[in-house]
Protein backbone atom coordinates (compact mmCIF):
# COMPACT_ATOMS: atom_id res chain seq x y z
CA MET A 1 -77.41 41.41 67.73
CA ASN A 2 -74.26 42.80 69.30
CA ASN A 3 -71.46 40.27 68.95
CA GLN A 4 -70.84 40.36 72.71
CA GLU A 5 -74.29 38.76 73.12
CA ILE A 6 -73.25 35.68 71.13
CA LEU A 7 -72.09 32.76 73.25
CA VAL A 8 -68.90 31.04 72.11
CA SER A 9 -68.06 27.52 73.31
CA ILE A 10 -64.37 26.60 73.44
CA ILE A 11 -63.61 22.88 73.63
CA ILE A 12 -60.25 21.70 75.00
CA PRO A 13 -59.51 17.98 74.53
CA ALA A 14 -56.87 17.06 77.10
CA PHE A 15 -54.83 13.93 77.66
CA ASN A 16 -51.87 14.11 80.06
CA ALA A 17 -51.89 17.86 79.57
CA GLU A 18 -50.39 19.04 82.87
CA ARG A 19 -47.42 20.87 81.33
CA TYR A 20 -49.33 23.55 79.40
CA LEU A 21 -52.95 23.30 80.56
CA ASN A 22 -52.99 26.00 83.21
CA GLN A 23 -51.39 28.52 80.85
CA THR A 24 -53.95 27.81 78.15
CA LEU A 25 -56.90 27.99 80.55
CA GLU A 26 -55.64 31.30 81.91
CA SER A 27 -55.29 32.73 78.40
CA LEU A 28 -58.91 31.82 77.61
CA ALA A 29 -60.38 32.97 80.92
CA THR A 30 -58.83 36.43 80.47
CA GLN A 31 -60.11 37.02 76.93
CA THR A 32 -61.51 40.50 76.38
CA TYR A 33 -64.52 38.83 74.77
CA ARG A 34 -66.43 37.77 77.88
CA ASN A 35 -69.41 35.76 76.63
CA LEU A 36 -67.78 32.35 76.42
CA GLU A 37 -67.80 28.95 78.03
CA ILE A 38 -64.73 26.70 78.29
CA ILE A 39 -65.38 22.97 78.08
CA LEU A 40 -62.42 20.85 79.08
CA VAL A 41 -62.68 17.14 78.25
CA ASP A 42 -60.22 15.06 80.25
CA ASP A 43 -59.60 12.06 78.01
CA GLY A 44 -58.55 9.53 80.66
CA SER A 45 -55.41 11.40 81.72
CA GLN A 46 -52.95 9.62 84.01
CA ASP A 47 -51.23 12.75 85.28
CA THR A 48 -52.59 15.77 87.17
CA THR A 49 -54.69 17.16 84.30
CA TYR A 50 -57.99 16.65 86.11
CA GLU A 51 -56.70 18.16 89.37
CA ILE A 52 -55.34 21.22 87.54
CA ALA A 53 -58.72 21.74 85.87
CA CYS A 54 -60.63 21.34 89.14
CA ASN A 55 -58.39 23.86 90.92
CA PHE A 56 -58.81 26.34 88.06
CA GLN A 57 -62.59 25.89 88.14
CA LYS A 58 -62.72 27.07 91.75
CA SER A 59 -61.85 30.61 90.66
CA ASN A 60 -63.51 30.61 87.24
CA ASN A 61 -67.10 29.52 86.70
CA LYS A 62 -66.75 29.69 82.91
CA LEU A 63 -64.95 26.34 82.97
CA LYS A 64 -66.93 23.10 82.65
CA ILE A 65 -65.15 19.79 83.10
CA LEU A 66 -66.11 16.54 81.39
CA ARG A 67 -64.24 13.34 82.04
CA GLN A 68 -63.78 10.13 80.08
CA LYS A 69 -62.67 7.23 82.28
CA GLN A 70 -60.46 5.77 79.56
CA ASN A 71 -58.33 7.35 76.86
CA GLU A 72 -60.64 7.23 73.83
CA GLY A 73 -58.72 9.66 71.63
CA GLU A 74 -58.90 13.33 70.72
CA SER A 75 -61.77 12.88 68.25
CA SER A 76 -63.97 11.23 70.87
CA ALA A 77 -63.17 14.01 73.36
CA ILE A 78 -64.04 16.72 70.83
CA ASN A 79 -67.34 15.03 69.98
CA LEU A 80 -68.25 14.82 73.67
CA GLY A 81 -67.50 18.52 74.13
CA TRP A 82 -69.51 19.33 71.01
CA VAL A 83 -72.62 17.60 72.40
CA HIS A 84 -72.43 19.66 75.61
CA ALA A 85 -71.60 22.98 73.93
CA LYS A 86 -74.34 25.64 74.14
CA GLY A 87 -72.75 28.36 72.02
CA LYS A 88 -73.71 29.51 68.55
CA PHE A 89 -70.03 29.30 67.64
CA ILE A 90 -67.81 26.39 68.67
CA CYS A 91 -64.04 26.39 68.68
CA VAL A 92 -61.54 23.64 69.47
CA ILE A 93 -58.30 24.73 71.13
CA SER A 94 -55.50 22.29 71.94
CA HIS A 95 -54.48 22.16 75.59
CA ASP A 96 -51.03 23.53 74.68
CA ASP A 97 -52.14 26.49 72.53
CA PRO A 98 -52.47 29.64 74.70
CA GLN A 99 -54.17 32.53 72.89
CA ASP A 100 -53.61 36.28 73.09
CA VAL A 101 -56.25 38.09 75.14
CA GLN A 102 -57.63 39.88 72.04
CA TRP A 103 -57.89 36.71 69.91
CA LEU A 104 -61.61 36.03 70.34
CA THR A 105 -62.60 39.71 70.19
CA SER A 106 -60.73 40.07 66.89
CA MET A 107 -62.43 37.00 65.44
CA MET A 108 -65.93 38.00 66.58
CA ASN A 109 -65.47 41.53 65.20
CA PHE A 110 -64.56 40.02 61.85
CA ILE A 111 -67.59 37.70 61.97
CA GLU A 112 -69.89 40.62 62.71
CA ILE A 113 -69.00 42.34 59.43
CA ASN A 114 -68.73 39.08 57.43
CA PRO A 115 -71.81 37.02 58.36
CA GLY A 116 -73.12 33.91 56.63
CA PHE A 117 -70.11 31.57 56.61
CA ILE A 118 -69.99 28.23 58.35
CA LEU A 119 -66.47 28.64 59.70
CA TYR A 120 -63.95 31.40 60.34
CA TYR A 121 -60.20 31.16 60.87
CA SER A 122 -57.11 33.32 60.71
CA ASP A 123 -53.41 33.16 59.97
CA ARG A 124 -51.45 31.96 62.97
CA ILE A 125 -48.36 32.56 65.06
CA LYS A 126 -46.23 29.45 65.52
CA ILE A 127 -44.54 29.22 68.92
CA ASN A 128 -42.22 26.67 70.51
CA SER A 129 -42.26 24.94 73.88
CA LYS A 130 -40.76 28.07 75.51
CA ASP A 131 -43.42 30.42 74.04
CA GLN A 132 -40.90 31.90 71.61
CA VAL A 133 -42.21 32.88 68.18
CA ILE A 134 -40.92 30.57 65.46
CA SER A 135 -42.76 32.02 62.47
CA PHE A 136 -45.96 33.50 61.13
CA ASP A 137 -47.97 30.93 59.17
CA TYR A 138 -50.03 32.41 56.36
CA LEU A 139 -52.74 29.92 55.51
CA TYR A 140 -54.66 29.38 52.28
CA ASP A 141 -57.78 31.44 51.65
CA TRP A 142 -60.86 29.26 51.85
CA SER A 143 -61.47 27.42 48.59
CA LEU A 144 -63.19 24.11 47.95
CA GLN A 145 -60.79 23.61 45.07
CA THR A 146 -57.85 23.80 47.50
CA LEU A 147 -59.54 21.75 50.21
CA ILE A 148 -60.44 18.83 47.96
CA GLY A 149 -57.85 19.19 45.20
CA LYS A 150 -54.89 19.37 47.61
CA MET A 151 -56.52 17.47 50.51
CA ILE A 152 -55.17 19.85 53.15
CA CYS A 153 -57.06 21.10 56.16
CA ILE A 154 -56.68 24.85 55.33
CA ALA A 155 -58.10 26.10 58.66
CA SER A 156 -56.12 25.70 61.87
CA THR A 157 -56.33 26.22 65.62
CA GLY A 158 -58.82 28.86 66.72
CA THR A 159 -61.33 28.08 63.95
CA LEU A 160 -64.87 29.17 64.88
CA ILE A 161 -67.69 26.99 63.55
CA ASP A 162 -71.31 28.17 63.36
CA LYS A 163 -73.20 25.29 64.93
CA THR A 164 -76.59 26.72 63.92
CA MET A 165 -75.84 26.00 60.24
CA LEU A 166 -75.43 22.28 60.93
CA PRO A 167 -77.88 19.42 61.60
CA THR A 168 -78.71 18.90 65.27
CA ASN A 169 -77.16 15.42 65.24
CA PHE A 170 -73.91 16.58 63.58
CA LEU A 171 -70.66 15.35 65.14
CA PRO A 172 -67.44 16.90 63.79
CA ARG A 173 -64.91 14.10 64.20
CA ASP A 174 -64.53 10.53 62.96
CA THR A 175 -63.36 8.56 65.99
CA ARG A 176 -61.65 5.96 63.76
CA LEU A 177 -59.09 8.54 62.68
CA ARG A 178 -56.28 10.31 64.53
CA GLN A 179 -54.11 11.82 61.78
CA CYS A 180 -56.87 12.79 59.30
CA SER A 181 -59.82 13.57 61.59
CA ASP A 182 -59.48 17.36 61.24
CA LEU A 183 -59.30 17.14 57.44
CA LYS A 184 -62.39 14.95 57.31
CA GLN A 185 -64.15 17.44 59.60
CA MET A 186 -63.42 20.22 57.10
CA LEU A 187 -64.78 18.11 54.24
CA LYS A 188 -67.97 17.44 56.20
CA LEU A 189 -68.42 21.11 57.10
CA ALA A 190 -67.92 22.14 53.46
CA GLN A 191 -71.12 20.27 52.60
CA TYR A 192 -73.12 22.86 54.56
CA GLY A 193 -71.38 26.11 53.68
CA GLN A 194 -68.17 27.93 52.96
CA GLY A 195 -65.40 29.25 55.18
CA ARG A 196 -63.73 32.64 55.45
CA LYS A 197 -60.24 33.63 56.55
CA ALA A 198 -60.02 36.71 58.75
CA ASP A 199 -57.81 39.64 57.87
CA GLY A 200 -55.10 39.26 60.46
CA VAL A 201 -52.80 36.94 62.40
CA PHE A 202 -54.88 36.20 65.49
CA SER A 203 -54.41 32.60 66.65
CA LYS A 204 -51.43 30.78 68.17
CA TRP A 205 -50.25 27.23 67.55
CA ARG A 206 -47.53 25.54 69.56
CA PHE A 207 -45.11 23.36 67.61
CA HIS A 208 -43.14 20.80 69.60
CA SER A 209 -42.14 17.14 69.65
CA SER A 210 -45.23 16.11 71.64
CA ASN A 211 -47.66 17.19 68.90
CA LEU A 212 -50.08 14.42 67.98
CA SER A 213 -48.72 14.05 64.44
CA PHE A 214 -45.29 13.14 65.82
CA SER A 215 -46.64 10.48 68.18
CA ILE A 216 -48.43 8.30 65.60
CA PRO A 217 -46.36 5.35 64.30
CA PHE A 218 -45.69 5.19 60.55
CA ASP A 219 -47.61 1.93 60.07
CA GLU A 220 -50.69 3.43 61.73
CA LYS A 221 -50.43 6.54 59.56
CA ALA A 222 -50.24 4.37 56.44
CA LYS A 223 -53.30 2.33 57.36
CA GLU A 224 -55.23 5.46 58.30
CA PHE A 225 -54.45 7.20 55.00
CA GLU A 226 -55.71 4.13 53.17
CA THR A 227 -58.89 3.96 55.26
CA PHE A 228 -59.49 7.69 54.79
CA THR A 229 -58.93 7.49 51.02
CA ILE A 230 -61.34 4.62 50.55
CA ASP A 231 -63.92 6.31 52.78
CA TRP A 232 -63.61 9.57 50.87
CA LEU A 233 -64.21 7.77 47.56
CA ASP A 234 -67.25 6.05 49.08
CA LYS A 235 -70.77 7.17 48.17
CA ASN A 236 -71.17 9.01 51.49
CA TYR A 237 -69.09 11.95 50.17
CA PRO A 238 -70.01 12.57 46.52
CA LEU A 239 -68.99 15.88 44.98
CA ALA A 240 -72.68 16.43 44.21
CA SER A 241 -73.23 17.02 47.93
CA TYR A 242 -71.43 20.38 47.65
CA PRO A 243 -74.28 22.58 46.31
CA TYR A 244 -72.12 25.58 45.41
CA LEU A 245 -69.62 23.62 43.31
CA ASN A 246 -69.90 24.52 39.63
CA ALA A 247 -69.59 21.90 36.87
CA HIS A 248 -66.21 22.95 35.47
CA SER A 249 -64.61 23.08 38.90
CA GLY A 250 -66.22 19.75 39.70
CA ILE A 251 -64.53 18.01 36.77
CA TYR A 252 -61.15 19.47 37.66
CA ILE A 253 -61.48 18.61 41.35
CA SER A 254 -62.65 15.09 40.53
CA LEU A 255 -59.49 14.41 38.56
CA GLN A 256 -57.30 15.98 41.25
CA LEU A 257 -59.07 13.85 43.84
CA VAL A 258 -58.44 10.63 41.95
CA LYS A 259 -54.78 11.61 41.59
CA TRP A 260 -54.55 12.32 45.33
CA ALA A 261 -56.22 9.00 46.14
CA PHE A 262 -53.73 7.00 44.13
CA GLN A 263 -50.85 8.92 45.67
CA GLN A 264 -52.08 8.11 49.17
CA LEU A 265 -52.63 4.47 48.29
CA GLN A 266 -49.14 4.38 46.81
CA PHE A 267 -47.56 5.82 49.96
CA SER A 268 -49.64 3.67 52.31
CA TYR A 269 -48.80 0.54 50.34
CA ALA A 270 -45.11 1.38 50.62
CA PHE A 271 -45.32 2.06 54.36
CA TYR A 272 -47.38 -1.09 54.88
CA GLN A 273 -44.90 -3.28 52.98
CA ILE A 274 -41.98 -1.82 54.93
CA TRP A 275 -43.79 -2.49 58.19
CA LEU A 276 -44.99 -5.98 57.18
CA ILE A 277 -41.74 -7.41 55.82
CA ARG A 278 -39.17 -4.95 57.09
CA GLY A 279 -36.76 -7.83 57.79
CA SER A 280 -36.33 -8.72 54.13
CA ILE A 281 -35.23 -6.08 51.62
CA LYS A 282 -35.35 -8.59 48.76
CA LYS A 283 -38.99 -9.45 49.44
CA LEU A 284 -39.86 -5.79 49.89
CA LEU A 285 -38.46 -4.84 46.49
CA PHE A 286 -40.07 -7.84 44.79
CA ARG A 287 -43.55 -7.40 46.29
CA SER A 288 -43.90 -3.63 46.22
CA GLY A 289 -41.72 -2.52 43.32
CA ARG A 290 -44.06 -3.55 40.52
CA VAL A 291 -47.18 -2.09 42.15
CA LEU A 292 -45.49 1.19 43.03
CA PHE A 293 -44.20 1.56 39.48
CA LEU A 294 -47.66 1.07 37.99
CA GLN A 295 -49.28 3.41 40.54
CA THR A 296 -46.68 6.11 39.88
CA ALA A 297 -47.28 5.85 36.14
CA LEU A 298 -51.03 6.13 36.71
CA VAL A 299 -50.61 9.21 38.92
CA ILE A 300 -48.52 10.90 36.20
CA LEU A 301 -51.20 10.10 33.60
CA ILE A 302 -54.02 11.43 35.81
CA ASN A 303 -52.01 14.57 36.50
CA LYS A 304 -51.62 15.24 32.79
CA VAL A 305 -55.36 14.70 32.21
CA ALA A 306 -56.24 16.98 35.14
CA ASN A 307 -53.98 19.76 33.87
CA THR A 308 -55.40 19.35 30.37
CA SER A 309 -58.97 19.65 31.66
CA HIS A 310 -57.91 22.75 33.57
CA SER A 311 -56.71 24.40 30.37
CA TRP A 312 -59.88 23.33 28.49
CA PHE A 313 -62.18 25.13 30.90
CA GLY A 314 -59.94 28.08 31.58
CA LYS A 315 -58.54 29.16 34.92
CA ILE A 316 -60.80 28.20 37.80
CA PRO A 317 -61.15 31.05 40.29
CA ARG A 318 -59.61 30.53 43.73
CA GLU A 319 -62.92 31.31 45.37
CA LEU A 320 -65.75 29.22 43.90
CA SER A 321 -69.31 30.35 43.28
CA LYS A 322 -71.36 31.79 46.12
CA ASN A 323 -73.17 29.50 48.52
CA PRO A 324 -76.88 29.65 47.55
CA CYS A 325 -77.78 29.56 51.25
CA GLN A 326 -76.40 33.10 51.60
CA ASN A 327 -78.54 36.14 50.90
């Protein structure tokens, strides 16, 4: 099948997005790759987001508009768009991330010669609020060791996900989370296949003070990290559910994961104590000092054990063993 015959669905979650929305819609509507649908989910905006989308739709039938009456959060908006998406590949683009006209063509050309992966992403150009280039961000190559061992998202804006490799009832985002929902999505996707980074800097990401990560209060971040950590350690996400993870890598990643979990619990406990009794420094030091000391000591111990196990089994390759689902 020629890659121009493959439908791509682009989901845009939008809440009070009037400043950048029209620019982003225009950048997607003028892509050189023509077989796409744009699904905008208005997440209860209180500005002119919905009106801007409706006006744009009059001149572009590729745009579909969904509307949530109340602000339910980015994860809920993405899930709603996912349910309505008809494409083989699905991509989430933030309302403030305009893409170069060749972005999707470049990604689909790469997919055509590198089939069989569940997600594809590229390095990115970081721009500011005035569309000026800040830097080029060179992301990690896909590796389950990096994803789980470091607990970082790896992939970024413009990631294309092959929906046909997932269960029909799959939803990408956990609506309880705001800060960690993209990371948890990556962990869920990794249970069904591996990712691949394209050879090139194709996508754009806008960095500014209105980014979601800047708008979440510290106490909420702390509680979310704790919830996410406990959920990750729960039986719903055992390492055994990653079929292409070999035994040696599994032991190393398990130890790295436990270390990461204690680090997150340590930080969240500190943030929580500061938030809970921020009026009393004496109480803060008394109630959190002992626990933080013990947790720090435990993290150091786990780190030494993890590094020892790494040396026992030899260097673990950056790319783990091949997904058995691939030919």
